[in-house]
Amino acid sequence: MKHILFDLFLFSLGAGAGVVLMCLVQAGAAAEREIEMMERSRK
């Protein structure tokens, strides 16, 4: 029983890390687009 709970904990930890990583990638891509649009409007 203890082993199953530990595996569930590790799975949850991995899933949470995956979600955080996905959010960071999305935010980085959005910021990159925003910077690119600002540079275009300056020219």
PDB file of N, CA and C in Angstrom:
ATOM      1  N   MET A   1       0.829  -1.199   0.000  1.00  0.00           N
ATOM      2  CA  MET A   1       0.000   0.000   0.000  1.00  0.00           C
ATOM      3  C   MET A   1       0.874   1.264   0.000  1.00  0.00           C
ATOM      4  N   LYS A   2       1.920   1.236   0.813  1.00  0.00           N
ATOM      5  CA  LYS A   2       2.818   2.385   0.904  1.00  0.00           C
ATOM      6  C   LYS A   2       3.472   2.663  -0.453  1.00  0.00           C
ATOM      7  N   HIS A   3       3.819   1.600  -1.165  1.00  0.00           N
ATOM      8  CA  HIS A   3       4.465   1.736  -2.465  1.00  0.00           C
ATOM      9  C   HIS A   3       3.527   2.393  -3.484  1.00  0.00           C
ATOM     10  N   ILE A   4       2.255   2.022  -3.465  1.00  0.00           N
ATOM     11  CA  ILE A   4       1.271   2.600  -4.391  1.00  0.00           C
ATOM     12  C   ILE A   4       1.108   4.094  -4.125  1.00  0.00           C
ATOM     13  N   LEU A   5       1.038   4.468  -2.855  1.00  0.00           N
ATOM     14  CA  LEU A   5       0.907   5.887  -2.513  1.00  0.00           C
ATOM     15  C   LEU A   5       2.141   6.677  -2.938  1.00  0.00           C
ATOM     16  N   PHE A   6       3.312   6.090  -2.769  1.00  0.00           N
ATOM     17  CA  PHE A   6       4.546   6.757  -3.179  1.00  0.00           C
ATOM     18  C   PHE A   6       4.579   6.950  -4.695  1.00  0.00           C
ATOM     19  N   ASP A   7       4.153   5.910  -5.445  1.00  0.00           N
ATOM     20  CA  ASP A   7       4.098   6.031  -6.905  1.00  0.00           C
ATOM     21  C   ASP A   7       3.097   7.099  -7.327  1.00  0.00           C
ATOM     22  N   LEU A   8       1.964   7.152  -6.659  1.00  0.00           N
ATOM     23  CA  LEU A   8       0.956   8.170  -6.963  1.00  0.00           C
ATOM     24  C   LEU A   8       1.508   9.567  -6.687  1.00  0.00           C
ATOM     25  N   PHE A   9       2.256   9.698  -5.590  1.00  0.00           N
ATOM     26  CA  PHE A   9       2.879  10.976  -5.250  1.00  0.00           C
ATOM     27  C   PHE A   9       3.876  11.397  -6.327  1.00  0.00           C
ATOM     28  N   LEU A  10       4.715  10.459  -6.765  1.00  0.00           N
ATOM     29  CA  LEU A  10       5.698  10.778  -7.804  1.00  0.00           C
ATOM     30  C   LEU A  10       5.019  11.139  -9.119  1.00  0.00           C
ATOM     31  N   PHE A  11       3.951  10.427  -9.451  1.00  0.00           N
ATOM     32  CA  PHE A  11       3.209  10.725 -10.675  1.00  0.00           C
ATOM     33  C   PHE A  11       2.614  12.132 -10.610  1.00  0.00           C
ATOM     34  N   SER A  12       2.028  12.473  -9.464  1.00  0.00           N
ATOM     35  CA  SER A  12       1.444  13.807  -9.287  1.00  0.00           C
ATOM     36  C   SER A  12       2.514  14.886  -9.374  1.00  0.00           C
ATOM     37  N   LEU A  13       3.668  14.614  -8.773  1.00  0.00           N
ATOM     38  CA  LEU A  13       4.775  15.558  -8.817  1.00  0.00           C
ATOM     39  C   LEU A  13       5.234  15.780 -10.263  1.00  0.00           C
ATOM     40  N   GLY A  14       5.357  14.705 -11.016  1.00  0.00           N
ATOM     41  CA  GLY A  14       5.766  14.804 -12.412  1.00  0.00           C
ATOM     42  C   GLY A  14       4.748  15.540 -13.258  1.00  0.00           C
ATOM     43  N   ALA A  15       3.471  15.247 -13.020  1.00  0.00           N
ATOM     44  CA  ALA A  15       2.415  15.924 -13.774  1.00  0.00           C
ATOM     45  C   ALA A  15       2.405  17.415 -13.456  1.00  0.00           C
ATOM     46  N   GLY A  16       2.574  17.752 -12.188  1.00  0.00           N
ATOM     47  CA  GLY A  16       2.617  19.164 -11.795  1.00  0.00           C
ATOM     48  C   GLY A  16       3.795  19.884 -12.421  1.00  0.00           C
ATOM     49  N   ALA A  17       4.954  19.231 -12.431  1.00  0.00           N
ATOM     50  CA  ALA A  17       6.138  19.832 -13.050  1.00  0.00           C
ATOM     51  C   ALA A  17       5.916  20.015 -14.550  1.00  0.00           C
ATOM     52  N   GLY A  18       5.245  19.065 -15.175  1.00  0.00           N
ATOM     53  CA  GLY A  18       4.954  19.171 -16.602  1.00  0.00           C
ATOM     54  C   GLY A  18       4.044  20.346 -16.911  1.00  0.00           C
ATOM     55  N   VAL A  19       3.036  20.539 -16.082  1.00  0.00           N
ATOM     56  CA  VAL A  19       2.109  21.660 -16.282  1.00  0.00           C
ATOM     57  C   VAL A  19       2.835  22.992 -16.111  1.00  0.00           C
ATOM     58  N   VAL A  20       3.676  23.096 -15.084  1.00  0.00           N
ATOM     59  CA  VAL A  20       4.435  24.332 -14.851  1.00  0.00           C
ATOM     60  C   VAL A  20       5.363  24.611 -16.026  1.00  0.00           C
ATOM     61  N   LEU A  21       6.033  23.571 -16.513  1.00  0.00           N
ATOM     62  CA  LEU A  21       6.938  23.734 -17.646  1.00  0.00           C
ATOM     63  C   LEU A  21       6.182  24.185 -18.893  1.00  0.00           C
ATOM     64  N   MET A  22       5.010  23.600 -19.131  1.00  0.00           N
ATOM     65  CA  MET A  22       4.195  23.978 -20.289  1.00  0.00           C
ATOM     66  C   MET A  22       3.762  25.440 -20.191  1.00  0.00           C
ATOM     67  N   CYS A  23       3.378  25.881 -19.000  1.00  0.00           N
ATOM     68  CA  CYS A  23       2.986  27.278 -18.806  1.00  0.00           C
ATOM     69  C   CYS A  23       4.154  28.224 -19.071  1.00  0.00           C
ATOM     70  N   LEU A  24       5.344  27.855 -18.609  1.00  0.00           N
ATOM     71  CA  LEU A  24       6.522  28.692 -18.846  1.00  0.00           C
ATOM     72  C   LEU A  24       6.841  28.795 -20.330  1.00  0.00           C
ATOM     73  N   VAL A  25       6.716  27.685 -21.047  1.00  0.00           N
ATOM     74  CA  VAL A  25       6.983  27.697 -22.488  1.00  0.00           C
ATOM     75  C   VAL A  25       5.963  28.577 -23.203  1.00  0.00           C
ATOM     76  N   GLN A  26       4.687  28.458 -22.825  1.00  0.00           N
ATOM     77  CA  GLN A  26       3.641  29.278 -23.444  1.00  0.00           C
ATOM     78  C   GLN A  26       3.873  30.762 -23.160  1.00  0.00           C
ATOM     79  N   ALA A  27       4.229  31.088 -21.921  1.00  0.00           N
ATOM     80  CA  ALA A  27       4.471  32.486 -21.559  1.00  0.00           C
ATOM     81  C   ALA A  27       5.683  33.032 -22.308  1.00  0.00           C
ATOM     82  N   GLY A  28       6.719  32.218 -22.459  1.00  0.00           N
ATOM     83  CA  GLY A  28       7.904  32.642 -23.203  1.00  0.00           C
ATOM     84  C   GLY A  28       7.591  32.903 -24.661  1.00  0.00           C
ATOM     85  N   ALA A  29       6.780  32.045 -25.259  1.00  0.00           N
ATOM     86  CA  ALA A  29       6.409  32.228 -26.662  1.00  0.00           C
ATOM     87  C   ALA A  29       5.565  33.490 -26.835  1.00  0.00           C
ATOM     88  N   ALA A  30       4.645  33.735 -25.916  1.00  0.00           N
ATOM     89  CA  ALA A  30       3.810  34.934 -25.993  1.00  0.00           C
ATOM     90  C   ALA A  30       4.664  36.190 -25.831  1.00  0.00           C
ATOM     91  N   ALA A  31       5.614  36.163 -24.912  1.00  0.00           N
ATOM     92  CA  ALA A  31       6.490  37.317 -24.710  1.00  0.00           C
ATOM     93  C   ALA A  31       7.346  37.559 -25.948  1.00  0.00           C
ATOM     94  N   GLU A  32       7.805  36.486 -26.563  1.00  0.00           N
ATOM     95  CA  GLU A  32       8.617  36.613 -27.777  1.00  0.00           C
ATOM     96  C   GLU A  32       7.827  37.290 -28.896  1.00  0.00           C
ATOM     97  N   ARG A  33       6.569  36.884 -29.062  1.00  0.00           N
ATOM     98  CA  ARG A  33       5.710  37.511 -30.078  1.00  0.00           C
ATOM     99  C   ARG A  33       5.478  38.982 -29.762  1.00  0.00           C
ATOM    100  N   GLU A  34       5.264  39.280 -28.483  1.00  0.00           N
ATOM    101  CA  GLU A  34       5.020  40.661 -28.067  1.00  0.00           C
ATOM    102  C   GLU A  34       6.238  41.540 -28.360  1.00  0.00           C
ATOM    103  N   ILE A  35       7.423  41.048 -28.046  1.00  0.00           N
ATOM    104  CA  ILE A  35       8.658  41.797 -28.299  1.00  0.00           C
ATOM    105  C   ILE A  35       8.840  42.011 -29.800  1.00  0.00           C
ATOM    106  N   GLU A  36       8.548  40.978 -30.569  1.00  0.00           N
ATOM    107  CA  GLU A  36       8.693  41.082 -32.024  1.00  0.00           C
ATOM    108  C   GLU A  36       7.745  42.140 -32.588  1.00  0.00           C
ATOM    109  N   MET A  37       6.508  42.175 -32.089  1.00  0.00           N
ATOM    110  CA  MET A  37       5.542  43.170 -32.575  1.00  0.00           C
ATOM    111  C   MET A  37       5.966  44.581 -32.175  1.00  0.00           C
ATOM    112  N   MET A  38       6.536  44.739 -30.976  1.00  0.00           N
ATOM    113  CA  MET A  38       6.998  46.058 -30.537  1.00  0.00           C
ATOM    114  C   MET A  38       8.151  46.547 -31.409  1.00  0.00           C
ATOM    115  N   GLU A  39       9.055  45.638 -31.770  1.00  0.00           N
ATOM    116  CA  GLU A  39      10.183  46.021 -32.616  1.00  0.00           C
ATOM    117  C   GLU A  39       9.715  46.402 -34.016  1.00  0.00           C
ATOM    118  N   ARG A  40       8.703  45.713 -34.523  1.00  0.00           N
ATOM    119  CA  ARG A  40       8.179  46.045 -35.853  1.00  0.00           C
ATOM    120  C   ARG A  40       7.510  47.411 -35.860  1.00  0.00           C
ATOM    121  N   SER A  41       6.808  47.743 -34.770  1.00  0.00           N
ATOM    122  CA  SER A  41       6.093  49.023 -34.731  1.00  0.00           C
ATOM    123  C   SER A  41       7.058  50.202 -34.603  1.00  0.00           C
ATOM    124  N   ARG A  42       8.253  49.976 -34.090  1.00  0.00           N
ATOM    125  CA  ARG A  42       9.244  51.050 -33.973  1.00  0.00           C
ATOM    126  C   ARG A  42       9.783  51.465 -35.337  1.00  0.00           C
ATOM    127  N   LYS A  43       9.913  50.511 -36.242  1.00  0.00           N
ATOM    128  CA  LYS A  43      10.540  50.800 -37.544  1.00  0.00           C
ATOM    129  C   LYS A  43       9.638  51.590 -38.459  1.00  0.00           C
TER     130      LYS A  43
END
